[in-house]
Amino acid sequence: MLELLAALAWGAMELALVLSGKLFVQCVSLGRWRGESLSGAEGRMHGPAGALSFSRDGQRVFTWSGMQLAGLAFYVLLGLAAAGVASLA
């Protein structure tokens, strides 16, 4: 039972990283880059194996792993900003 709860928590955390990474990529690039759809296999068909992103029709597309990394970078930057603001007070 505990393993099931741990797997569900890990899946929820992974989904939160991917969704926030997808939004982070779109905001930072001002819409020029995008993330692949969550249920699609676009990265498997058009990108090399293990790629974080690939170019398709002149647009940079981030894969599932790339969106995870971007989401992690977003939360690291958010934590650094929070620590910086907290040190001012």
PDB file of N, CA and C in Angstrom:
ATOM      1  N   MET A   1       0.813  -1.189   0.000  1.00  0.00           N
ATOM      2  CA  MET A   1       0.000   0.000   0.000  1.00  0.00           C
ATOM      3  C   MET A   1       0.867   1.267   0.000  1.00  0.00           C
ATOM      4  N   LEU A   2       1.941   1.221   0.764  1.00  0.00           N
ATOM      5  CA  LEU A   2       2.832   2.374   0.846  1.00  0.00           C
ATOM      6  C   LEU A   2       3.535   2.627  -0.487  1.00  0.00           C
ATOM      7  N   GLU A   3       3.861   1.544  -1.200  1.00  0.00           N
ATOM      8  CA  GLU A   3       4.493   1.694  -2.509  1.00  0.00           C
ATOM      9  C   GLU A   3       3.552   2.348  -3.510  1.00  0.00           C
ATOM     10  N   LEU A   4       2.276   2.031  -3.426  1.00  0.00           N
ATOM     11  CA  LEU A   4       1.282   2.624  -4.316  1.00  0.00           C
ATOM     12  C   LEU A   4       1.156   4.120  -4.058  1.00  0.00           C
ATOM     13  N   LEU A   5       1.130   4.510  -2.796  1.00  0.00           N
ATOM     14  CA  LEU A   5       1.054   5.932  -2.464  1.00  0.00           C
ATOM     15  C   LEU A   5       2.309   6.672  -2.909  1.00  0.00           C
ATOM     16  N   ALA A   6       3.458   6.038  -2.762  1.00  0.00           N
ATOM     17  CA  ALA A   6       4.711   6.662  -3.207  1.00  0.00           C
ATOM     18  C   ALA A   6       4.721   6.823  -4.724  1.00  0.00           C
ATOM     19  N   ALA A   7       4.224   5.835  -5.441  1.00  0.00           N
ATOM     20  CA  ALA A   7       4.159   5.923  -6.903  1.00  0.00           C
ATOM     21  C   ALA A   7       3.191   7.010  -7.347  1.00  0.00           C
ATOM     22  N   LEU A   8       2.059   7.137  -6.680  1.00  0.00           N
ATOM     23  CA  LEU A   8       1.106   8.197  -7.005  1.00  0.00           C
ATOM     24  C   LEU A   8       1.683   9.576  -6.707  1.00  0.00           C
ATOM     25  N   ALA A   9       2.374   9.713  -5.589  1.00  0.00           N
ATOM     26  CA  ALA A   9       2.993  11.001  -5.249  1.00  0.00           C
ATOM     27  C   ALA A   9       4.081  11.354  -6.254  1.00  0.00           C
ATOM     28  N   TRP A  10       4.884  10.376  -6.658  1.00  0.00           N
ATOM     29  CA  TRP A  10       5.933  10.625  -7.652  1.00  0.00           C
ATOM     30  C   TRP A  10       5.331  11.014  -8.989  1.00  0.00           C
ATOM     31  N   GLY A  11       4.263  10.351  -9.387  1.00  0.00           N
ATOM     32  CA  GLY A  11       3.591  10.688 -10.645  1.00  0.00           C
ATOM     33  C   GLY A  11       2.998  12.087 -10.620  1.00  0.00           C
ATOM     34  N   ALA A  12       2.418  12.470  -9.489  1.00  0.00           N
ATOM     35  CA  ALA A  12       1.868  13.820  -9.365  1.00  0.00           C
ATOM     36  C   ALA A  12       2.969  14.867  -9.415  1.00  0.00           C
ATOM     37  N   MET A  13       4.100  14.580  -8.776  1.00  0.00           N
ATOM     38  CA  MET A  13       5.216  15.523  -8.796  1.00  0.00           C
ATOM     39  C   MET A  13       5.799  15.647 -10.204  1.00  0.00           C
ATOM     40  N   GLU A  14       5.901  14.534 -10.896  1.00  0.00           N
ATOM     41  CA  GLU A  14       6.420  14.543 -12.260  1.00  0.00           C
ATOM     42  C   GLU A  14       5.493  15.327 -13.188  1.00  0.00           C
ATOM     43  N   LEU A  15       4.198  15.149 -13.036  1.00  0.00           N
ATOM     44  CA  LEU A  15       3.235  15.877 -13.853  1.00  0.00           C
ATOM     45  C   LEU A  15       3.291  17.379 -13.553  1.00  0.00           C
ATOM     46  N   ALA A  16       3.449  17.743 -12.284  1.00  0.00           N
ATOM     47  CA  ALA A  16       3.570  19.157 -11.925  1.00  0.00           C
ATOM     48  C   ALA A  16       4.835  19.761 -12.526  1.00  0.00           C
ATOM     49  N   LEU A  17       5.939  19.018 -12.520  1.00  0.00           N
ATOM     50  CA  LEU A  17       7.173  19.505 -13.135  1.00  0.00           C
ATOM     51  C   LEU A  17       7.004  19.710 -14.633  1.00  0.00           C
ATOM     52  N   VAL A  18       6.374  18.764 -15.290  1.00  0.00           N
ATOM     53  CA  VAL A  18       6.200  18.846 -16.742  1.00  0.00           C
ATOM     54  C   VAL A  18       5.286  20.007 -17.117  1.00  0.00           C
ATOM     55  N   LEU A  19       4.171  20.170 -16.417  1.00  0.00           N
ATOM     56  CA  LEU A  19       3.241  21.254 -16.744  1.00  0.00           C
ATOM     57  C   LEU A  19       3.852  22.623 -16.470  1.00  0.00           C
ATOM     58  N   SER A  20       4.554  22.754 -15.348  1.00  0.00           N
ATOM     59  CA  SER A  20       5.192  24.044 -15.070  1.00  0.00           C
ATOM     60  C   SER A  20       6.357  24.282 -16.023  1.00  0.00           C
ATOM     61  N   GLY A  21       7.054  23.237 -16.439  1.00  0.00           N
ATOM     62  CA  GLY A  21       8.112  23.383 -17.427  1.00  0.00           C
ATOM     63  C   GLY A  21       7.567  23.800 -18.776  1.00  0.00           C
ATOM     64  N   LYS A  22       6.421  23.274 -19.142  1.00  0.00           N
ATOM     65  CA  LYS A  22       5.798  23.643 -20.413  1.00  0.00           C
ATOM     66  C   LYS A  22       5.425  25.126 -20.415  1.00  0.00           C
ATOM     67  N   LEU A  23       4.840  25.598 -19.328  1.00  0.00           N
ATOM     68  CA  LEU A  23       4.494  27.013 -19.219  1.00  0.00           C
ATOM     69  C   LEU A  23       5.736  27.892 -19.147  1.00  0.00           C
ATOM     70  N   PHE A  24       6.756  27.434 -18.447  1.00  0.00           N
ATOM     71  CA  PHE A  24       7.999  28.195 -18.312  1.00  0.00           C
ATOM     72  C   PHE A  24       8.678  28.374 -19.667  1.00  0.00           C
ATOM     73  N   VAL A  25       8.720  27.317 -20.462  1.00  0.00           N
ATOM     74  CA  VAL A  25       9.336  27.380 -21.793  1.00  0.00           C
ATOM     75  C   VAL A  25       8.576  28.358 -22.680  1.00  0.00           C
ATOM     76  N   GLN A  26       7.261  28.311 -22.652  1.00  0.00           N
ATOM     77  CA  GLN A  26       6.468  29.218 -23.483  1.00  0.00           C
ATOM     78  C   GLN A  26       6.632  30.665 -23.042  1.00  0.00           C
ATOM     79  N   CYS A  27       6.691  30.907 -21.746  1.00  0.00           N
ATOM     80  CA  CYS A  27       6.831  32.279 -21.250  1.00  0.00           C
ATOM     81  C   CYS A  27       8.225  32.833 -21.520  1.00  0.00           C
ATOM     82  N   VAL A  28       9.257  32.048 -21.306  1.00  0.00           N
ATOM     83  CA  VAL A  28      10.623  32.525 -21.507  1.00  0.00           C
ATOM     84  C   VAL A  28      10.900  32.793 -22.981  1.00  0.00           C
ATOM     85  N   SER A  29      10.383  31.958 -23.852  1.00  0.00           N
ATOM     86  CA  SER A  29      10.648  32.117 -25.280  1.00  0.00           C
ATOM     87  C   SER A  29       9.626  33.023 -25.968  1.00  0.00           C
ATOM     88  N   LEU A  30       8.678  33.560 -25.215  1.00  0.00           N
ATOM     89  CA  LEU A  30       7.616  34.408 -25.764  1.00  0.00           C
ATOM     90  C   LEU A  30       6.825  33.705 -26.871  1.00  0.00           C
ATOM     91  N   GLY A  31       6.599  32.413 -26.705  1.00  0.00           N
ATOM     92  CA  GLY A  31       5.781  31.643 -27.624  1.00  0.00           C
ATOM     93  C   GLY A  31       6.505  31.067 -28.823  1.00  0.00           C
ATOM     94  N   ARG A  32       7.804  31.319 -28.959  1.00  0.00           N
ATOM     95  CA  ARG A  32       8.528  30.772 -30.117  1.00  0.00           C
ATOM     96  C   ARG A  32       8.818  29.283 -29.945  1.00  0.00           C
ATOM     97  N   TRP A  33       8.972  28.822 -28.712  1.00  0.00           N
ATOM     98  CA  TRP A  33       9.200  27.408 -28.442  1.00  0.00           C
ATOM     99  C   TRP A  33       7.934  26.849 -27.822  1.00  0.00           C
ATOM    100  N   ARG A  34       7.806  25.526 -27.890  1.00  0.00           N
ATOM    101  CA  ARG A  34       6.637  24.883 -27.290  1.00  0.00           C
ATOM    102  C   ARG A  34       7.027  23.517 -26.754  1.00  0.00           C
ATOM    103  N   GLY A  35       6.169  22.979 -25.929  1.00  0.00           N
ATOM    104  CA  GLY A  35       6.346  21.617 -25.444  1.00  0.00           C
ATOM    105  C   GLY A  35       5.442  20.689 -26.226  1.00  0.00           C
ATOM    106  N   GLU A  36       5.869  19.452 -26.370  1.00  0.00           N
ATOM    107  CA  GLU A  36       5.014  18.502 -27.082  1.00  0.00           C
ATOM    108  C   GLU A  36       3.790  18.187 -26.236  1.00  0.00           C
ATOM    109  N   SER A  37       2.757  17.676 -26.862  1.00  0.00           N
ATOM    110  CA  SER A  37       1.540  17.350 -26.123  1.00  0.00           C
ATOM    111  C   SER A  37       1.839  16.234 -25.128  1.00  0.00           C
ATOM    112  N   LEU A  38       1.098  16.221 -24.045  1.00  0.00           N
ATOM    113  CA  LEU A  38       1.382  15.277 -22.971  1.00  0.00           C
ATOM    114  C   LEU A  38       1.090  13.839 -23.364  1.00  0.00           C
ATOM    115  N   SER A  39       0.168  13.634 -24.276  1.00  0.00           N
ATOM    116  CA  SER A  39      -0.176  12.269 -24.659  1.00  0.00           C
ATOM    117  C   SER A  39       0.398  11.874 -26.017  1.00  0.00           C
ATOM    118  N   GLY A  40       1.110  12.782 -26.663  1.00  0.00           N
ATOM    119  CA  GLY A  40       1.621  12.501 -28.000  1.00  0.00           C
ATOM    120  C   GLY A  40       2.988  11.844 -27.989  1.00  0.00           C
ATOM    121  N   ALA A  41       3.355  11.297 -29.126  1.00  0.00           N
ATOM    122  CA  ALA A  41       4.660  10.662 -29.305  1.00  0.00           C
ATOM    123  C   ALA A  41       5.470  11.410 -30.350  1.00  0.00           C
ATOM    124  N   GLU A  42       5.292  12.721 -30.391  1.00  0.00           N
ATOM    125  CA  GLU A  42       5.963  13.547 -31.388  1.00  0.00           C
ATOM    126  C   GLU A  42       7.484  13.488 -31.230  1.00  0.00           C
ATOM    127  N   GLY A  43       7.962  13.459 -30.001  1.00  0.00           N
ATOM    128  CA  GLY A  43       9.398  13.391 -29.754  1.00  0.00           C
ATOM    129  C   GLY A  43      10.010  12.088 -30.220  1.00  0.00           C
ATOM    130  N   ARG A  44       9.278  11.022 -30.123  1.00  0.00           N
ATOM    131  CA  ARG A  44       9.784   9.723 -30.577  1.00  0.00           C
ATOM    132  C   ARG A  44       9.860   9.648 -32.091  1.00  0.00           C
ATOM    133  N   MET A  45       8.947  10.330 -32.763  1.00  0.00           N
ATOM    134  CA  MET A  45       8.898  10.249 -34.223  1.00  0.00           C
ATOM    135  C   MET A  45       9.872  11.218 -34.887  1.00  0.00           C
ATOM    136  N   HIS A  46      10.003  12.432 -34.337  1.00  0.00           N
ATOM    137  CA  HIS A  46      10.762  13.465 -35.027  1.00  0.00           C
ATOM    138  C   HIS A  46      12.104  13.798 -34.379  1.00  0.00           C
ATOM    139  N   GLY A  47      12.307  13.430 -33.132  1.00  0.00           N
ATOM    140  CA  GLY A  47      13.544  13.777 -32.440  1.00  0.00           C
ATOM    141  C   GLY A  47      14.450  12.582 -32.266  1.00  0.00           C
ATOM    142  N   PRO A  48      15.750  12.830 -32.030  1.00  0.00           N
ATOM    143  CA  PRO A  48      16.660  11.722 -31.763  1.00  0.00           C
ATOM    144  C   PRO A  48      16.377  11.105 -30.390  1.00  0.00           C
ATOM    145  N   ALA A  49      16.843   9.904 -30.192  1.00  0.00           N
ATOM    146  CA  ALA A  49      16.601   9.195 -28.940  1.00  0.00           C
ATOM    147  C   ALA A  49      17.271   9.927 -27.782  1.00  0.00           C
ATOM    148  N   GLY A  50      16.522  10.161 -26.725  1.00  0.00           N
ATOM    149  CA  GLY A  50      17.052  10.802 -25.536  1.00  0.00           C
ATOM    150  C   GLY A  50      17.201  12.304 -25.637  1.00  0.00           C
ATOM    151  N   ALA A  51      16.628  12.911 -26.645  1.00  0.00           N
ATOM    152  CA  ALA A  51      16.772  14.355 -26.834  1.00  0.00           C
ATOM    153  C   ALA A  51      15.884  15.117 -25.850  1.00  0.00           C
ATOM    154  N   LEU A  52      16.348  16.296 -25.423  1.00  0.00           N
ATOM    155  CA  LEU A  52      15.545  17.175 -24.592  1.00  0.00           C
ATOM    156  C   LEU A  52      14.661  18.083 -25.444  1.00  0.00           C
ATOM    157  N   SER A  53      15.098  18.350 -26.664  1.00  0.00           N
ATOM    158  CA  SER A  53      14.301  19.150 -27.591  1.00  0.00           C
ATOM    159  C   SER A  53      14.725  18.814 -29.014  1.00  0.00           C
ATOM    160  N   PHE A  54      13.902  19.230 -29.963  1.00  0.00           N
ATOM    161  CA  PHE A  54      14.209  19.047 -31.374  1.00  0.00           C
ATOM    162  C   PHE A  54      13.521  20.160 -32.149  1.00  0.00           C
ATOM    163  N   SER A  55      13.909  20.333 -33.379  1.00  0.00           N
ATOM    164  CA  SER A  55      13.335  21.370 -34.219  1.00  0.00           C
ATOM    165  C   SER A  55      12.383  20.726 -35.225  1.00  0.00           C
ATOM    166  N   ARG A  56      11.190  21.299 -35.319  1.00  0.00           N
ATOM    167  CA  ARG A  56      10.204  20.777 -36.266  1.00  0.00           C
ATOM    168  C   ARG A  56       9.492  21.954 -36.907  1.00  0.00           C
ATOM    169  N   ASP A  57       9.528  22.017 -38.206  1.00  0.00           N
ATOM    170  CA  ASP A  57       8.903  23.093 -38.981  1.00  0.00           C
ATOM    171  C   ASP A  57       9.389  24.463 -38.524  1.00  0.00           C
ATOM    172  N   GLY A  58      10.660  24.554 -38.195  1.00  0.00           N
ATOM    173  CA  GLY A  58      11.254  25.827 -37.797  1.00  0.00           C
ATOM    174  C   GLY A  58      10.952  26.245 -36.374  1.00  0.00           C
ATOM    175  N   GLN A  59      10.342  25.378 -35.578  1.00  0.00           N
ATOM    176  CA  GLN A  59       9.995  25.708 -34.195  1.00  0.00           C
ATOM    177  C   GLN A  59      10.664  24.706 -33.262  1.00  0.00           C
ATOM    178  N   ARG A  60      11.239  25.187 -32.166  1.00  0.00           N
ATOM    179  CA  ARG A  60      11.868  24.323 -31.175  1.00  0.00           C
ATOM    180  C   ARG A  60      10.774  23.673 -30.341  1.00  0.00           C
ATOM    181  N   VAL A  61      10.822  22.348 -30.215  1.00  0.00           N
ATOM    182  CA  VAL A  61       9.824  21.583 -29.474  1.00  0.00           C
ATOM    183  C   VAL A  61      10.544  20.838 -28.347  1.00  0.00           C
ATOM    184  N   PHE A  62      10.076  21.026 -27.125  1.00  0.00           N
ATOM    185  CA  PHE A  62      10.661  20.346 -25.974  1.00  0.00           C
ATOM    186  C   PHE A  62       9.942  19.025 -25.740  1.00  0.00           C
ATOM    187  N   THR A  63      10.717  17.990 -25.462  1.00  0.00           N
ATOM    188  CA  THR A  63      10.150  16.671 -25.180  1.00  0.00           C
ATOM    189  C   THR A  63       9.724  16.606 -23.717  1.00  0.00           C
ATOM    190  N   TRP A  64       9.180  15.483 -23.314  1.00  0.00           N
ATOM    191  CA  TRP A  64       8.747  15.260 -21.933  1.00  0.00           C
ATOM    192  C   TRP A  64       9.915  15.474 -20.982  1.00  0.00           C
ATOM    193  N   SER A  65      11.075  14.915 -21.305  1.00  0.00           N
ATOM    194  CA  SER A  65      12.253  15.074 -20.446  1.00  0.00           C
ATOM    195  C   SER A  65      12.729  16.520 -20.417  1.00  0.00           C
ATOM    196  N   GLY A  66      12.672  17.204 -21.546  1.00  0.00           N
ATOM    197  CA  GLY A  66      13.055  18.604 -21.594  1.00  0.00           C
ATOM    198  C   GLY A  66      12.139  19.484 -20.761  1.00  0.00           C
ATOM    199  N   MET A  67      10.846  19.165 -20.774  1.00  0.00           N
ATOM    200  CA  MET A  67       9.899  19.927 -19.962  1.00  0.00           C
ATOM    201  C   MET A  67      10.096  19.652 -18.476  1.00  0.00           C
ATOM    202  N   GLN A  68      10.491  18.419 -18.129  1.00  0.00           N
ATOM    203  CA  GLN A  68      10.814  18.119 -16.737  1.00  0.00           C
ATOM    204  C   GLN A  68      12.007  18.946 -16.276  1.00  0.00           C
ATOM    205  N   LEU A  69      13.027  19.015 -17.098  1.00  0.00           N
ATOM    206  CA  LEU A  69      14.221  19.783 -16.762  1.00  0.00           C
ATOM    207  C   LEU A  69      13.895  21.275 -16.665  1.00  0.00           C
ATOM    208  N   ALA A  70      13.080  21.781 -17.571  1.00  0.00           N
ATOM    209  CA  ALA A  70      12.684  23.187 -17.521  1.00  0.00           C
ATOM    210  C   ALA A  70      11.850  23.472 -16.271  1.00  0.00           C
ATOM    211  N   GLY A  71      10.970  22.557 -15.894  1.00  0.00           N
ATOM    212  CA  GLY A  71      10.186  22.720 -14.668  1.00  0.00           C
ATOM    213  C   GLY A  71      11.057  22.715 -13.436  1.00  0.00           C
ATOM    214  N   LEU A  72      12.054  21.853 -13.421  1.00  0.00           N
ATOM    215  CA  LEU A  72      12.993  21.823 -12.304  1.00  0.00           C
ATOM    216  C   LEU A  72      13.783  23.126 -12.235  1.00  0.00           C
ATOM    217  N   ALA A  73      14.213  23.633 -13.391  1.00  0.00           N
ATOM    218  CA  ALA A  73      14.939  24.910 -13.428  1.00  0.00           C
ATOM    219  C   ALA A  73      14.044  26.046 -12.928  1.00  0.00           C
ATOM    220  N   PHE A  74      12.757  26.013 -13.286  1.00  0.00           N
ATOM    221  CA  PHE A  74      11.824  27.032 -12.806  1.00  0.00           C
ATOM    222  C   PHE A  74      11.737  27.020 -11.287  1.00  0.00           C
ATOM    223  N   TYR A  75      11.602  25.840 -10.687  1.00  0.00           N
ATOM    224  CA  TYR A  75      11.467  25.779  -9.240  1.00  0.00           C
ATOM    225  C   TYR A  75      12.778  26.120  -8.530  1.00  0.00           C
ATOM    226  N   VAL A  76      13.915  25.817  -9.133  1.00  0.00           N
ATOM    227  CA  VAL A  76      15.200  26.228  -8.555  1.00  0.00           C
ATOM    228  C   VAL A  76      15.307  27.749  -8.580  1.00  0.00           C
ATOM    229  N   LEU A  77      14.966  28.366  -9.712  1.00  0.00           N
ATOM    230  CA  LEU A  77      15.000  29.825  -9.796  1.00  0.00           C
ATOM    231  C   LEU A  77      13.992  30.465  -8.842  1.00  0.00           C
ATOM    232  N   LEU A  78      12.832  29.864  -8.691  1.00  0.00           N
ATOM    233  CA  LEU A  78      11.832  30.370  -7.757  1.00  0.00           C
ATOM    234  C   LEU A  78      12.347  30.284  -6.319  1.00  0.00           C
ATOM    235  N   GLY A  79      13.005  29.189  -5.979  1.00  0.00           N
ATOM    236  CA  GLY A  79      13.574  29.040  -4.637  1.00  0.00           C
ATOM    237  C   GLY A  79      14.689  30.038  -4.381  1.00  0.00           C
ATOM    238  N   LEU A  80      15.543  30.268  -5.386  1.00  0.00           N
ATOM    239  CA  LEU A  80      16.612  31.264  -5.228  1.00  0.00           C
ATOM    240  C   LEU A  80      16.042  32.664  -5.063  1.00  0.00           C
ATOM    241  N   ALA A  81      14.994  32.983  -5.817  1.00  0.00           N
ATOM    242  CA  ALA A  81      14.354  34.294  -5.680  1.00  0.00           C
ATOM    243  C   ALA A  81      13.715  34.441  -4.306  1.00  0.00           C
ATOM    244  N   ALA A  82      13.081  33.388  -3.818  1.00  0.00           N
ATOM    245  CA  ALA A  82      12.465  33.439  -2.490  1.00  0.00           C
ATOM    246  C   ALA A  82      13.527  33.603  -1.404  1.00  0.00           C
ATOM    247  N   ALA A  83      14.652  32.918  -1.560  1.00  0.00           N
ATOM    248  CA  ALA A  83      15.740  33.060  -0.587  1.00  0.00           C
ATOM    249  C   ALA A  83      16.333  34.465  -0.637  1.00  0.00           C
ATOM    250  N   GLY A  84      16.423  35.040  -1.833  1.00  0.00           N
ATOM    251  CA  GLY A  84      16.935  36.395  -1.959  1.00  0.00           C
ATOM    252  C   GLY A  84      16.005  37.417  -1.309  1.00  0.00           C
ATOM    253  N   VAL A  85      14.699  37.250  -1.503  1.00  0.00           N
ATOM    254  CA  VAL A  85      13.740  38.160  -0.894  1.00  0.00           C
ATOM    255  C   VAL A  85      13.728  37.993   0.633  1.00  0.00           C
ATOM    256  N   ALA A  86      13.853  36.757   1.081  1.00  0.00           N
ATOM    257  CA  ALA A  86      13.857  36.508   2.528  1.00  0.00           C
ATOM    258  C   ALA A  86      15.098  37.089   3.201  1.00  0.00           C
ATOM    259  N   SER A  87      16.216  37.143   2.466  1.00  0.00           N
ATOM    260  CA  SER A  87      17.421  37.687   3.065  1.00  0.00           C
ATOM    261  C   SER A  87      17.387  39.208   3.162  1.00  0.00           C
ATOM    262  N   LEU A  88      16.493  39.852   2.394  1.00  0.00           N
ATOM    263  CA  LEU A  88      16.352  41.301   2.462  1.00  0.00           C
ATOM    264  C   LEU A  88      15.607  41.747   3.724  1.00  0.00           C
ATOM    265  N   ALA A  89      14.759  40.902   4.231  1.00  0.00           N
ATOM    266  CA  ALA A  89      13.942  41.273   5.396  1.00  0.00           C
ATOM    267  C   ALA A  89      14.665  41.089   6.701  1.00  0.00           C
TER     268      ALA A  89
END
